[in-house]
Amino acid sequence: MSAKEAMGHPWMEQVIQRDMDKSKYGVSAAFANLKSFNSDSNLKKATYTFISQQLLSKKERDDFLQIFNALDTDHSGSLSKEEFLAGSKQFFGESLPEKEVLELYNQADIDQSGTIEFGEFVTAAMKQDELHSIKKLQNAFNAFDTDKNGSIDKEELMKVFEFSEDYDLD
């Protein structure tokens, strides 16, 4: 049995669902956080991505992985629009209009690739107050300020994020 087949086994899906229900970041909370996610600038997107990928505890990361895996029904490692829509219907019925769910999906697809990768999901599904916590923001600033002079310039940001065409800081 392959790992993909094992993840799709009914017993494994039950275990994931049970653990997800117990999770601090259950699906309801994740979708609520997605609704408040706003990444209107490239710097903001990059900062949120850094915080969510570099500054989460193991437990936080594991909680998000359980939710992500429950939504990733084809076990591809990314969420399609169809999976996202099906997940919202499974957990919320028709209470969230499809148009609103698609808007959430498009916002969470930070790189606009057409799918939501795990890192994008975590970034969008984190509580905004956790993304904005003084400790996490200070740690992010310290990581960006590579020359430790108390300010961050474009070159430092480019080093930290290894920017490509995906992010335009201008």
Protein backbone atom coordinates (compact mmCIF):
# COMPACT_ATOMS: atom_id res chain seq x y z
CA MET A 1 0.00 0.00 0.00
CA SER A 2 1.42 3.38 -0.98
CA ALA A 3 1.42 6.38 1.37
CA LYS A 4 -1.25 8.01 -0.80
CA GLU A 5 -3.46 4.89 -0.56
CA ALA A 6 -2.88 4.70 3.19
CA MET A 7 -3.95 8.33 3.63
CA GLY A 8 -7.13 7.56 1.69
CA HIS A 9 -8.01 4.51 3.76
CA PRO A 10 -11.32 4.98 5.67
CA TRP A 11 -9.68 4.22 9.02
CA MET A 12 -6.99 6.88 8.45
CA GLU A 13 -9.64 9.39 7.36
CA GLN A 14 -11.55 8.69 10.61
CA VAL A 15 -8.40 9.22 12.68
CA ILE A 16 -7.65 12.47 10.87
CA GLN A 17 -11.25 13.66 11.30
CA ARG A 18 -11.27 12.80 15.03
CA ASP A 19 -7.98 14.57 15.61
CA MET A 20 -9.11 17.53 13.54
CA ASP A 21 -12.28 17.88 15.64
CA LYS A 22 -10.14 18.06 18.78
CA SER A 23 -7.72 20.52 17.25
CA LYS A 24 -7.53 24.08 18.57
CA TYR A 25 -7.62 25.22 14.95
CA GLY A 26 -10.60 23.09 13.88
CA VAL A 27 -12.04 23.59 10.44
CA SER A 28 -14.55 26.18 11.65
CA ALA A 29 -11.79 28.29 13.14
CA ALA A 30 -9.61 27.87 10.06
CA PHE A 31 -12.39 29.05 7.74
CA ALA A 32 -13.21 31.94 10.09
CA ASN A 33 -9.55 32.97 10.01
CA LEU A 34 -9.51 32.66 6.22
CA LYS A 35 -12.36 35.16 6.11
CA SER A 36 -10.30 37.75 7.98
CA PHE A 37 -7.07 37.11 6.04
CA ASN A 38 -5.99 40.05 3.94
CA SER A 39 -2.71 40.12 2.06
CA ASP A 40 -3.04 43.21 -0.04
CA SER A 41 0.69 43.97 -0.37
CA ASN A 42 3.59 41.79 -1.44
CA LEU A 43 5.61 42.69 1.64
CA LYS A 44 2.69 41.77 3.88
CA LYS A 45 2.27 38.44 2.02
CA ALA A 46 5.97 37.70 2.34
CA THR A 47 6.03 38.57 6.05
CA TYR A 48 2.95 36.48 6.81
CA THR A 49 4.45 33.59 4.86
CA PHE A 50 7.72 33.85 6.78
CA ILE A 51 5.94 33.94 10.14
CA SER A 52 3.65 31.03 9.31
CA GLN A 53 6.43 28.86 7.92
CA GLN A 54 9.31 29.72 10.22
CA LEU A 55 7.85 30.73 13.56
CA LEU A 56 5.11 28.17 14.27
CA SER A 57 5.46 25.64 17.06
CA LYS A 58 5.40 21.95 16.15
CA LYS A 59 1.92 21.62 17.69
CA GLU A 60 0.58 24.56 15.67
CA ARG A 61 2.06 23.09 12.47
CA ASP A 62 0.64 19.62 13.27
CA ASP A 63 -2.83 21.08 13.96
CA PHE A 64 -2.87 22.83 10.60
CA LEU A 65 -1.57 19.71 8.84
CA GLN A 66 -4.48 17.67 10.21
CA ILE A 67 -6.99 20.16 8.87
CA PHE A 68 -5.20 20.49 5.54
CA ASN A 69 -5.04 16.70 5.10
CA ALA A 70 -8.77 16.40 5.83
CA LEU A 71 -9.52 18.92 3.08
CA ASP A 72 -6.95 17.44 0.65
CA THR A 73 -9.17 14.52 -0.35
CA ASP A 74 -7.05 13.46 -3.33
CA HIS A 75 -3.89 13.58 -1.15
CA SER A 76 -2.02 15.61 -3.76
CA GLY A 77 -0.43 17.96 -1.23
CA SER A 78 -2.43 20.94 -2.43
CA LEU A 79 -6.06 22.06 -2.32
CA SER A 80 -7.98 22.48 -5.54
CA LYS A 81 -11.01 24.77 -5.78
CA GLU A 82 -13.19 21.66 -5.83
CA GLU A 83 -11.67 20.30 -2.60
CA PHE A 84 -11.96 23.69 -0.93
CA LEU A 85 -15.61 24.03 -1.96
CA ALA A 86 -16.39 20.45 -0.87
CA GLY A 87 -14.69 21.06 2.49
CA SER A 88 -16.68 24.21 3.13
CA LYS A 89 -19.93 22.41 2.25
CA GLN A 90 -19.01 19.42 4.41
CA PHE A 91 -18.38 21.55 7.47
CA PHE A 92 -20.77 24.46 6.92
CA GLY A 93 -23.48 23.13 4.63
CA GLU A 94 -24.85 25.92 2.48
CA SER A 95 -24.32 28.62 5.12
CA LEU A 96 -21.31 30.02 3.22
CA PRO A 97 -22.28 31.09 -0.31
CA GLU A 98 -20.11 29.58 -3.05
CA LYS A 99 -19.06 33.05 -4.22
CA GLU A 100 -17.71 33.84 -0.73
CA VAL A 101 -15.90 30.49 -0.52
CA LEU A 102 -14.26 31.14 -3.89
CA GLU A 103 -13.17 34.60 -2.71
CA LEU A 104 -11.58 32.96 0.35
CA TYR A 105 -9.89 30.44 -1.92
CA ASN A 106 -8.47 33.12 -4.20
CA GLN A 107 -7.12 35.09 -1.25
CA ALA A 108 -5.51 32.01 0.28
CA ASP A 109 -3.87 31.14 -3.07
CA ILE A 110 -1.14 33.68 -2.38
CA ASP A 111 1.03 32.81 -5.39
CA GLN A 112 -2.05 32.62 -7.67
CA SER A 113 -1.01 29.14 -8.91
CA GLY A 114 -4.57 27.83 -8.95
CA THR A 115 -4.05 25.58 -5.92
CA ILE A 116 -3.47 26.22 -2.22
CA GLU A 117 -0.26 24.69 -0.92
CA PHE A 118 0.13 23.85 2.76
CA GLY A 119 2.22 26.96 3.50
CA GLU A 120 -0.39 29.21 1.89
CA PHE A 121 -3.15 27.47 3.85
CA VAL A 122 -1.32 28.00 7.13
CA THR A 123 -0.59 31.62 6.32
CA ALA A 124 -4.24 32.37 5.51
CA ALA A 125 -5.78 30.19 8.24
CA MET A 126 -3.74 31.52 11.17
CA LYS A 127 -5.50 33.86 13.53
CA GLN A 128 -4.54 37.39 12.59
CA ASP A 129 -3.70 38.26 16.20
CA GLU A 130 -1.19 35.40 16.22
CA LEU A 131 0.38 36.62 12.98
CA HIS A 132 0.60 40.07 14.56
CA SER A 133 1.89 39.00 17.97
CA ILE A 134 4.74 41.18 19.22
CA LYS A 135 7.00 38.15 19.72
CA LYS A 136 6.45 36.80 16.19
CA LEU A 137 6.79 40.21 14.58
CA GLN A 138 9.99 40.91 16.56
CA ASN A 139 11.41 37.53 15.53
CA ALA A 140 10.51 38.23 11.90
CA PHE A 141 12.11 41.69 12.10
CA ASN A 142 15.27 40.24 13.63
CA ALA A 143 15.46 37.65 10.85
CA PHE A 144 14.99 40.34 8.18
CA ASP A 145 17.56 42.72 9.75
CA THR A 146 20.53 40.58 8.72
CA ASP A 147 23.13 43.29 9.39
CA LYS A 148 21.56 44.03 12.82
CA ASN A 149 21.53 47.81 12.31
CA GLY A 150 17.91 48.23 13.43
CA SER A 151 16.47 48.78 9.97
CA ILE A 152 15.58 46.61 7.01
CA ASP A 153 16.49 47.48 3.44
CA LYS A 154 15.43 45.90 0.16
CA GLU A 155 18.63 43.85 -0.15
CA GLU A 156 18.05 42.28 3.28
CA LEU A 157 14.51 41.34 2.34
CA MET A 158 15.69 39.83 -0.91
CA LYS A 159 18.26 37.75 0.99
CA VAL A 160 15.75 36.50 3.55
CA PHE A 161 13.10 35.56 1.01
CA GLU A 162 15.39 34.68 -1.88
CA PHE A 163 13.02 36.68 -4.02
CA SER A 164 12.18 35.74 -7.54
CA GLU A 165 9.61 37.22 -9.89
CA ASP A 166 6.90 36.07 -7.41
CA TYR A 167 7.45 39.10 -5.20
CA ASP A 168 7.98 42.62 -6.42
CA LEU A 169 9.05 44.84 -3.56
CA ASP A 170 8.74 48.07 -5.50
